[in-house]
C-alpha atoms as a PDB file:
ATOM      1  CA  MET A   1    -171.420 -68.668 -37.800  1.00  0.00           C
ATOM      2  CA  SER A   2    -170.809 -71.854 -35.839  1.00  0.00           C
ATOM      3  CA  ALA A   3    -167.294 -72.009 -37.327  1.00  0.00           C
ATOM      4  CA  LEU A   4    -166.078 -69.156 -35.100  1.00  0.00           C
ATOM      5  CA  ILE A   5    -163.982 -70.475 -32.235  1.00  0.00           C
ATOM      6  CA  PRO A   6    -165.004 -69.045 -28.847  1.00  0.00           C
ATOM      7  CA  ARG A   7    -162.180 -67.935 -26.586  1.00  0.00           C
ATOM      8  CA  GLY A   8    -162.193 -67.924 -22.799  1.00  0.00           C
ATOM      9  CA  GLY A   9    -163.954 -70.112 -20.336  1.00  0.00           C
ATOM     10  CA  LEU A  10    -165.482 -70.414 -16.940  1.00  0.00           C
ATOM     11  CA  PHE A  11    -162.225 -70.000 -15.034  1.00  0.00           C
ATOM     12  CA  ASP A  12    -160.879 -67.157 -17.206  1.00  0.00           C
ATOM     13  CA  GLU A  13    -163.352 -64.713 -15.668  1.00  0.00           C
ATOM     14  CA  LEU A  14    -162.696 -65.999 -12.154  1.00  0.00           C
ATOM     15  CA  PHE A  15    -158.891 -65.674 -12.390  1.00  0.00           C
ATOM     16  CA  ARG A  16    -158.768 -62.632 -14.684  1.00  0.00           C
ATOM     17  CA  ASP A  17    -157.442 -60.328 -11.946  1.00  0.00           C
ATOM     18  CA  PHE A  18    -154.561 -62.659 -11.081  1.00  0.00           C
ATOM     19  CA  GLY A  19    -152.691 -61.960 -14.315  1.00  0.00           C
ATOM     20  CA  THR A  20    -149.601 -59.807 -14.739  1.00  0.00           C
ATOM     21  CA  GLY A  21    -151.479 -56.554 -14.051  1.00  0.00           C
ATOM     22  CA  PHE A  22    -153.103 -57.639 -10.764  1.00  0.00           C
ATOM     23  CA  SER A  23    -151.352 -55.081  -8.554  1.00  0.00           C
ATOM     24  CA  VAL A  24    -151.384 -52.239 -11.097  1.00  0.00           C
ATOM     25  CA  ARG A  25    -154.775 -50.616 -11.567  1.00  0.00           C
ATOM     26  CA  PRO A  26    -155.309 -47.131 -12.951  1.00  0.00           C
ATOM     27  CA  LEU A  27    -156.254 -44.618 -10.287  1.00  0.00           C
ATOM     28  CA  HIS A  28    -158.301 -42.753 -12.847  1.00  0.00           C
ATOM     29  CA  GLY A  29    -159.105 -43.239 -16.515  1.00  0.00           C
ATOM     30  CA  ASN A  30    -160.057 -46.465 -18.199  1.00  0.00           C
ATOM     31  CA  PRO A  31    -158.419 -49.815 -17.360  1.00  0.00           C
ATOM     32  CA  LEU A  32    -156.536 -51.621 -20.104  1.00  0.00           C
ATOM     33  CA  PRO A  33    -158.849 -53.687 -22.293  1.00  0.00           C
ATOM     34  CA  SER A  34    -158.677 -57.470 -22.107  1.00  0.00           C
ATOM     35  CA  PRO A  35    -158.764 -59.711 -25.229  1.00  0.00           C
ATOM     36  CA  ASP A  36    -162.434 -60.483 -24.660  1.00  0.00           C
ATOM     37  CA  LYS A  37    -163.128 -56.764 -24.921  1.00  0.00           C
ATOM     38  CA  ILE A  38    -162.497 -56.838 -28.695  1.00  0.00           C
ATOM     39  CA  LYS A  39    -166.098 -57.296 -29.752  1.00  0.00           C
ATOM     40  CA  LEU A  40    -166.621 -58.786 -33.209  1.00  0.00           C
ATOM     41  CA  ASP A  41    -169.473 -58.809 -35.684  1.00  0.00           C
ATOM     42  CA  VAL A  42    -169.004 -61.119 -38.686  1.00  0.00           C
ATOM     43  CA  SER A  43    -171.303 -61.117 -41.689  1.00  0.00           C
ATOM     44  CA  GLU A  44    -171.124 -62.924 -45.000  1.00  0.00           C
ATOM     45  CA  ASN A  45    -172.148 -61.318 -48.273  1.00  0.00           C
ATOM     46  CA  GLY A  46    -171.506 -63.152 -51.535  1.00  0.00           C
ATOM     47  CA  ASN A  47    -167.789 -63.627 -52.020  1.00  0.00           C
ATOM     48  CA  ALA A  48    -166.603 -61.836 -48.889  1.00  0.00           C
ATOM     49  CA  TYR A  49    -166.853 -61.631 -45.102  1.00  0.00           C
ATOM     50  CA  THR A  50    -167.197 -58.295 -43.341  1.00  0.00           C
ATOM     51  CA  VAL A  51    -165.725 -58.190 -39.838  1.00  0.00           C
ATOM     52  CA  THR A  52    -166.398 -55.225 -37.592  1.00  0.00           C
ATOM     53  CA  ALA A  53    -164.236 -55.070 -34.455  1.00  0.00           C
ATOM     54  CA  GLU A  54    -164.455 -52.474 -31.701  1.00  0.00           C
ATOM     55  CA  ILE A  55    -161.021 -51.463 -30.409  1.00  0.00           C
ATOM     56  CA  PRO A  56    -161.623 -48.129 -28.648  1.00  0.00           C
ATOM     57  CA  GLY A  57    -158.731 -45.860 -27.742  1.00  0.00           C
ATOM     58  CA  VAL A  58    -156.239 -47.532 -30.087  1.00  0.00           C
ATOM     59  CA  ALA A  59    -154.695 -45.608 -33.009  1.00  0.00           C
ATOM     60  CA  LYS A  60    -154.856 -47.255 -36.419  1.00  0.00           C
ATOM     61  CA  GLU A  61    -151.040 -47.344 -36.542  1.00  0.00           C
ATOM     62  CA  ASP A  62    -151.125 -49.645 -33.482  1.00  0.00           C
ATOM     63  CA  ILE A  63    -153.542 -52.188 -34.984  1.00  0.00           C
ATOM     64  CA  HIS A  64    -152.093 -55.224 -36.782  1.00  0.00           C
ATOM     65  CA  VAL A  65    -154.159 -57.687 -38.781  1.00  0.00           C
ATOM     66  CA  SER A  66    -152.765 -60.954 -40.121  1.00  0.00           C
ATOM     67  CA  VAL A  67    -154.512 -63.578 -42.260  1.00  0.00           C
ATOM     68  CA  GLU A  68    -153.211 -67.106 -42.778  1.00  0.00           C
ATOM     69  CA  GLY A  69    -155.532 -69.424 -44.645  1.00  0.00           C
ATOM     70  CA  ASN A  70    -158.862 -69.152 -42.842  1.00  0.00           C
ATOM     71  CA  THR A  71    -157.365 -67.832 -39.568  1.00  0.00           C
ATOM     72  CA  VAL A  72    -157.549 -64.109 -38.793  1.00  0.00           C
ATOM     73  CA  THR A  73    -155.572 -62.502 -35.949  1.00  0.00           C
ATOM     74  CA  LEU A  74    -156.191 -58.972 -34.643  1.00  0.00           C
ATOM     75  CA  ARG A  75    -153.463 -57.468 -32.421  1.00  0.00           C
ATOM     76  CA  ALA A  76    -153.454 -54.000 -30.911  1.00  0.00           C
ATOM     77  CA  GLU A  77    -150.776 -52.137 -28.968  1.00  0.00           C
ATOM     78  CA  VAL A  78    -152.493 -50.310 -26.112  1.00  0.00           C
ATOM     79  CA  LYS A  79    -150.944 -47.138 -24.737  1.00  0.00           C
ATOM     80  CA  GLN A  80    -152.566 -45.169 -21.955  1.00  0.00           C
ATOM     81  CA  HIS A  81    -151.166 -42.223 -20.071  1.00  0.00           C
ATOM     82  CA  ASP A  82    -153.105 -40.947 -17.061  1.00  0.00           C
ATOM     83  CA  ARG A  83    -151.912 -37.520 -16.025  1.00  0.00           C
ATOM     84  CA  GLN A  84    -153.127 -34.830 -13.706  1.00  0.00           C
ATOM     85  CA  GLU A  85    -152.476 -31.460 -15.283  1.00  0.00           C
ATOM     86  CA  LYS A  86    -150.769 -29.371 -12.597  1.00  0.00           C
ATOM     87  CA  GLU A  87    -147.465 -27.548 -12.500  1.00  0.00           C
ATOM     88  CA  SER A  88    -145.967 -29.847  -9.909  1.00  0.00           C
ATOM     89  CA  ALA A  89    -147.191 -33.302 -10.895  1.00  0.00           C
ATOM     90  CA  MET A  90    -148.255 -35.373  -7.911  1.00  0.00           C
ATOM     91  CA  HIS A  91    -149.337 -38.331  -9.983  1.00  0.00           C
ATOM     92  CA  SER A  92    -148.596 -39.661 -13.478  1.00  0.00           C
ATOM     93  CA  GLU A  93    -149.095 -43.219 -14.768  1.00  0.00           C
ATOM     94  CA  ARG A  94    -148.390 -44.992 -18.051  1.00  0.00           C
ATOM     95  CA  TYR A  95    -149.722 -48.317 -19.199  1.00  0.00           C
ATOM     96  CA  TYR A  96    -148.468 -50.257 -22.212  1.00  0.00           C
ATOM     97  CA  GLY A  97    -149.486 -53.654 -23.424  1.00  0.00           C
ATOM     98  CA  SER A  98    -151.035 -55.571 -26.239  1.00  0.00           C
ATOM     99  CA  ILE A  99    -154.271 -57.422 -26.774  1.00  0.00           C
ATOM    100  CA  SER A 100    -155.077 -59.910 -29.493  1.00  0.00           C
ATOM    101  CA  ARG A 101    -157.924 -62.027 -30.744  1.00  0.00           C
ATOM    102  CA  THR A 102    -157.809 -64.921 -33.206  1.00  0.00           C
ATOM    103  CA  PHE A 103    -160.748 -66.528 -34.976  1.00  0.00           C
ATOM    104  CA  GLN A 104    -161.345 -68.877 -37.902  1.00  0.00           C
ATOM    105  CA  LEU A 105    -163.675 -68.534 -40.870  1.00  0.00           C
ATOM    106  CA  PRO A 106    -165.225 -71.444 -42.833  1.00  0.00           C
ATOM    107  CA  VAL A 107    -163.093 -70.864 -45.980  1.00  0.00           C
ATOM    108  CA  ASP A 108    -159.627 -69.549 -46.792  1.00  0.00           C
ATOM    109  CA  ILE A 109    -159.178 -65.810 -47.335  1.00  0.00           C
ATOM    110  CA  ASP A 110    -157.458 -64.142 -50.305  1.00  0.00           C
ATOM    111  CA  GLU A 111    -155.018 -61.847 -48.475  1.00  0.00           C
ATOM    112  CA  ALA A 112    -154.091 -59.877 -51.613  1.00  0.00           C
ATOM    113  CA  GLN A 113    -157.693 -58.821 -52.290  1.00  0.00           C
ATOM    114  CA  SER A 114    -158.735 -58.167 -48.662  1.00  0.00           C
ATOM    115  CA  SER A 115    -158.649 -54.787 -46.943  1.00  0.00           C
ATOM    116  CA  ALA A 116    -158.763 -53.191 -43.485  1.00  0.00           C
ATOM    117  CA  LYS A 117    -159.981 -49.735 -42.422  1.00  0.00           C
ATOM    118  CA  SER A 118    -160.058 -48.126 -38.964  1.00  0.00           C
ATOM    119  CA  ASP A 119    -162.082 -45.084 -37.947  1.00  0.00           C
ATOM    120  CA  ASN A 120    -162.796 -43.864 -34.378  1.00  0.00           C
ATOM    121  CA  GLY A 121    -161.972 -47.159 -32.694  1.00  0.00           C
ATOM    122  CA  VAL A 122    -163.939 -49.313 -35.150  1.00  0.00           C
ATOM    123  CA  LEU A 123    -161.948 -51.649 -37.398  1.00  0.00           C
ATOM    124  CA  VAL A 124    -163.733 -52.899 -40.537  1.00  0.00           C
ATOM    125  CA  LEU A 125    -162.198 -55.818 -42.417  1.00  0.00           C
ATOM    126  CA  THR A 126    -163.368 -56.857 -45.871  1.00  0.00           C
ATOM    127  CA  LEU A 127    -162.078 -60.413 -46.263  1.00  0.00           C
ATOM    128  CA  ILE A 128    -162.456 -61.796 -49.778  1.00  0.00           C
ATOM    129  CA  LYS A 129    -163.020 -65.558 -50.031  1.00  0.00           C
ATOM    130  CA  LYS A 130    -160.371 -67.477 -51.928  1.00  0.00           C
ATOM    131  CA  LYS A 131    -161.837 -68.969 -55.069  1.00  0.00           C
ATOM    132  CA  PRO A 132    -161.912 -72.782 -55.188  1.00  0.00           C
ATOM    133  CA  GLY A 133    -159.006 -74.175 -57.131  1.00  0.00           C
ATOM    134  CA  ASN A 134    -156.508 -71.458 -56.135  1.00  0.00           C
ATOM    135  CA  GLY A 135    -153.343 -73.046 -54.853  1.00  0.00           C
ATOM    136  CA  SER A 136    -154.214 -76.539 -56.043  1.00  0.00           C
ATOM    137  CA  ARG A 137    -153.193 -78.295 -59.201  1.00  0.00           C
ATOM    138  CA  ARG A 138    -153.955 -81.551 -60.844  1.00  0.00           C
ATOM    139  CA  LEU A 139    -151.288 -84.195 -60.741  1.00  0.00           C
ATOM    140  CA  THR A 140    -150.657 -86.453 -63.716  1.00  0.00           C
ATOM    141  CA  VAL A 141    -150.746 -90.081 -62.763  1.00  0.00           C
ATOM    142  CA  GLN A 142    -147.871 -92.014 -64.347  1.00  0.00           C
END
C-alpha cells in the first residue's frame, strides 16, 4: 500500500478556510465536502484491486471515475440546497462545486474489464490488473 500517493500537507489544513468558499458557509445543513473527505479503502485480491470510497450525499450520476494506466481519478459534482420550508421563504441557499481525488496503484489497470458501482454514498470500484505483456510487442532487430 506504500504506492498510494498521499495528498495534502501541513499547511493545507491551516489555510483550508482561505479558499474560494471562505465567506460562504451554510447556515444550516452540512458544509461542502473537501477532497480529503473522500475516504478510501484499497485492497488487493488476486488479479484485481477493490477500492471503496465514501462520497456521501452525491448521486451516482454525479460521480465520474477515470483510469489512465495506473492512475485513478474520482470526481464528484456536489449539489446542496438548504431551504426552510415556509410559505414566504426567508432563507434559501444553494451550493455547487466539485471535489476530486487522484491516486496511483502499483500496476496498470485494464479499463475495459474494470467496473464501478455506487450505493448510498459508497462507491465500490473493481479494478482489474492489466496482464503483463498487454500493449507491448517484441521488436525484430535488423
